[in-house]
C-alpha atoms as a PDB file:
ATOM      1  CA  LYS A   1      92.950  66.643  77.526  1.00  0.00           C
ATOM      2  CA  PHE A   2      96.740  66.679  77.558  1.00  0.00           C
ATOM      3  CA  ALA A   3      96.949  63.259  75.867  1.00  0.00           C
ATOM      4  CA  MET A   4      99.383  61.856  78.899  1.00  0.00           C
ATOM      5  CA  VAL A   5      99.941  58.065  78.837  1.00  0.00           C
ATOM      6  CA  ALA A   6     101.247  57.680  82.445  1.00  0.00           C
ATOM      7  CA  PRO A   7     100.871  60.716  84.016  1.00  0.00           C
ATOM      8  CA  ASP A   8     102.409  61.731  87.652  1.00  0.00           C
ATOM      9  CA  VAL A   9     100.721  65.007  89.165  1.00  0.00           C
ATOM     10  CA  GLN A  10     101.625  66.487  92.189  1.00  0.00           C
ATOM     11  CA  ILE A  11     100.591  70.119  93.761  1.00  0.00           C
ATOM     12  CA  GLU A  12     103.650  72.547  93.968  1.00  0.00           C
ATOM     13  CA  ASP A  13     102.656  72.989  97.798  1.00  0.00           C
ATOM     14  CA  GLY A  14     106.378  72.199  98.777  1.00  0.00           C
ATOM     15  CA  LYS A  15     105.122  68.871 100.579  1.00  0.00           C
ATOM     16  CA  GLY A  16     105.014  66.787  97.393  1.00  0.00           C
ATOM     17  CA  THR A  17     101.316  65.957  97.379  1.00  0.00           C
ATOM     18  CA  ILE A  18     100.512  63.606  94.493  1.00  0.00           C
ATOM     19  CA  LEU A  19      97.462  63.772  93.246  1.00  0.00           C
ATOM     20  CA  ILE A  20      97.747  60.933  90.329  1.00  0.00           C
ATOM     21  CA  SER A  21     100.521  58.482  90.226  1.00  0.00           C
ATOM     22  CA  SER A  22     101.608  56.233  87.099  1.00  0.00           C
ATOM     23  CA  GLU A  23     102.105  53.865  89.479  1.00  0.00           C
ATOM     24  CA  GLU A  24      98.793  51.587  89.259  1.00  0.00           C
ATOM     25  CA  GLY A  25      96.650  51.559  92.463  1.00  0.00           C
ATOM     26  CA  GLU A  26      99.058  54.230  94.079  1.00  0.00           C
ATOM     27  CA  THR A  27      96.083  57.228  94.155  1.00  0.00           C
ATOM     28  CA  GLU A  28      93.154  54.979  93.286  1.00  0.00           C
ATOM     29  CA  ALA A  29      91.325  56.607  96.741  1.00  0.00           C
ATOM     30  CA  ASN A  30      91.551  59.816  95.275  1.00  0.00           C
ATOM     31  CA  ASN A  31      89.664  59.219  91.918  1.00  0.00           C
ATOM     32  CA  HIS A  32      86.168  60.148  93.814  1.00  0.00           C
ATOM     33  CA  ARG A  33      87.823  63.402  95.656  1.00  0.00           C
ATOM     34  CA  LYS A  34      87.249  66.570  94.409  1.00  0.00           C
ATOM     35  CA  LEU A  35      90.356  69.550  93.725  1.00  0.00           C
ATOM     36  CA  SER A  36      89.038  71.374  96.963  1.00  0.00           C
ATOM     37  CA  ASP A  37      89.381  68.058  99.274  1.00  0.00           C
ATOM     38  CA  PHE A  38      93.331  68.632  98.775  1.00  0.00           C
ATOM     39  CA  GLY A  39      93.557  72.087  99.105  1.00  0.00           C
ATOM     40  CA  ILE A  40      93.434  73.419  95.431  1.00  0.00           C
ATOM     41  CA  ARG A  41      92.362  76.889  94.542  1.00  0.00           C
ATOM     42  CA  ASN A  42      92.541  79.373  92.457  1.00  0.00           C
ATOM     43  CA  GLY A  43      96.092  80.252  91.532  1.00  0.00           C
ATOM     44  CA  THR A  44      97.385  76.513  92.867  1.00  0.00           C
ATOM     45  CA  ARG A  45     100.062  75.290  90.442  1.00  0.00           C
ATOM     46  CA  LEU A  46     100.309  71.569  89.642  1.00  0.00           C
ATOM     47  CA  GLN A  47     102.847  69.521  87.766  1.00  0.00           C
ATOM     48  CA  ALA A  48     102.079  66.934  85.655  1.00  0.00           C
ATOM     49  CA  ASP A  49     105.178  64.755  84.343  1.00  0.00           C
ATOM     50  CA  ASP A  50     104.874  61.487  81.802  1.00  0.00           C
ATOM     51  CA  PHE A  51     107.983  60.135  81.710  1.00  0.00           C
ATOM     52  CA  LEU A  52     107.049  57.890  78.855  1.00  0.00           C
ATOM     53  CA  GLN A  53     106.539  60.831  76.933  1.00  0.00           C
ATOM     54  CA  ASP A  54     109.376  62.794  78.110  1.00  0.00           C
ATOM     55  CA  TYR A  55     107.478  65.696  78.964  1.00  0.00           C
ATOM     56  CA  THR A  56     106.161  68.123  81.476  1.00  0.00           C
ATOM     57  CA  LEU A  57     103.141  70.538  82.128  1.00  0.00           C
ATOM     58  CA  LEU A  58     103.019  73.298  84.989  1.00  0.00           C
ATOM     59  CA  ILE A  59      99.110  73.840  85.353  1.00  0.00           C
ATOM     60  CA  ASN A  60      97.798  76.898  87.110  1.00  0.00           C
ATOM     61  CA  VAL A  61      94.417  76.300  88.375  1.00  0.00           C
ATOM     62  CA  LEU A  62      92.509  79.547  87.696  1.00  0.00           C
ATOM     63  CA  HIS A  63      88.502  79.705  88.815  1.00  0.00           C
ATOM     64  CA  SER A  64      86.021  81.260  86.597  1.00  0.00           C
ATOM     65  CA  GLU A  65      82.363  81.820  86.613  1.00  0.00           C
ATOM     66  CA  ASP A  66      82.045  82.242  82.914  1.00  0.00           C
ATOM     67  CA  LEU A  67      82.364  78.689  81.600  1.00  0.00           C
ATOM     68  CA  GLU A  68      79.522  77.346  79.684  1.00  0.00           C
ATOM     69  CA  LYS A  69      76.918  75.423  80.629  1.00  0.00           C
ATOM     70  CA  ASP A  70      77.627  71.715  81.419  1.00  0.00           C
ATOM     71  CA  VAL A  71      81.496  72.831  80.705  1.00  0.00           C
ATOM     72  CA  GLU A  72      83.668  71.665  84.077  1.00  0.00           C
ATOM     73  CA  PHE A  73      86.867  72.986  83.295  1.00  0.00           C
ATOM     74  CA  GLU A  74      88.905  75.261  79.897  1.00  0.00           C
ATOM     75  CA  VAL A  75      92.325  74.411  78.974  1.00  0.00           C
ATOM     76  CA  VAL A  76      93.972  77.717  77.980  1.00  0.00           C
ATOM     77  CA  GLY A  77      97.379  78.157  77.035  1.00  0.00           C
ATOM     78  CA  ASP A  78     100.072  76.397  74.723  1.00  0.00           C
ATOM     79  CA  ALA A  79      99.563  72.682  73.949  1.00  0.00           C
ATOM     80  CA  PRO A  80     102.687  70.410  73.893  1.00  0.00           C
ATOM     81  CA  GLU A  81     104.267  70.362  70.388  1.00  0.00           C
ATOM     82  CA  ARG A  82     105.334  66.776  70.123  1.00  0.00           C
ATOM     83  CA  ILE A  83     102.914  64.237  71.674  1.00  0.00           C
ATOM     84  CA  GLY A  84     103.715  60.262  71.677  1.00  0.00           C
ATOM     85  CA  PRO A  85     106.427  58.124  73.035  1.00  0.00           C
ATOM     86  CA  LYS A  86     109.906  58.896  73.289  1.00  0.00           C
ATOM     87  CA  PRO A  87     111.575  57.857  69.957  1.00  0.00           C
ATOM     88  CA  SER A  88     113.976  54.732  70.572  1.00  0.00           C
ATOM     89  CA  GLU A  89     117.974  55.973  70.953  1.00  0.00           C
ATOM     90  CA  PRO A  90     119.607  54.751  68.323  1.00  0.00           C
ATOM     91  CA  THR A  91     122.193  51.767  69.270  1.00  0.00           C
ATOM     92  CA  SER A  92     126.009  52.779  68.821  1.00  0.00           C
ATOM     93  CA  ARG A  93     127.337  49.462  68.975  1.00  0.00           C
ATOM     94  CA  ASN A  94     127.474  46.369  67.040  1.00  0.00           C
ATOM     95  CA  ILE A  95     126.208  43.448  68.646  1.00  0.00           C
ATOM     96  CA  SER A  96     126.890  40.104  66.996  1.00  0.00           C
ATOM     97  CA  ASN A  97     125.333  36.486  67.529  1.00  0.00           C
ATOM     98  CA  GLY A  98     123.152  38.054  69.912  1.00  0.00           C
ATOM     99  CA  SER A  99     126.089  38.799  72.145  1.00  0.00           C
ATOM    100  CA  ASP A 100     127.515  42.392  73.425  1.00  0.00           C
ATOM    101  CA  ASP A 101     130.267  41.299  75.428  1.00  0.00           C
ATOM    102  CA  GLY A 102     132.917  42.389  72.945  1.00  0.00           C
ATOM    103  CA  ALA A 103     134.483  39.037  73.022  1.00  0.00           C
ATOM    104  CA  GLN A 104     136.147  38.215  69.664  1.00  0.00           C
ATOM    105  CA  PRO A 105     137.310  34.772  68.120  1.00  0.00           C
ATOM    106  CA  SER A 106     140.953  33.683  68.581  1.00  0.00           C
ATOM    107  CA  THR A 107     143.033  34.332  66.003  1.00  0.00           C
ATOM    108  CA  SER A 108     146.550  33.014  67.463  1.00  0.00           C
ATOM    109  CA  THR A 109     148.619  30.224  65.646  1.00  0.00           C
ATOM    110  CA  GLY A 110     150.373  27.839  68.437  1.00  0.00           C
ATOM    111  CA  ASN A 111     152.124  24.890  67.785  1.00  0.00           C
ATOM    112  CA  GLN A 112     149.878  21.789  67.381  1.00  0.00           C
ATOM    113  CA  GLN A 113     151.765  18.386  69.115  1.00  0.00           C
END
């Protein structure tokens, strides 16, 4: 729903409880668990960061009995304006011959014997 590529999601509980990690396998054991298993209830706040897209969402979990049949959750609020990978940063220095060490060709004119 949030179009995140590599999210890290944690509970804003002061403990830093991580629900989803972008590190492969780190939170795989959480996949079968319910939110209530983590103490997430009405009013809980989650923070979702996607470093690859450079955006963060704060998610307020609100319980509702008014969802349509077979609807597990509903997203309400402002959607992120820009979704997609971060644009690559322009390089500000010129690189010649694959080297960026600043070496320049010799211009000395010494006496040759």
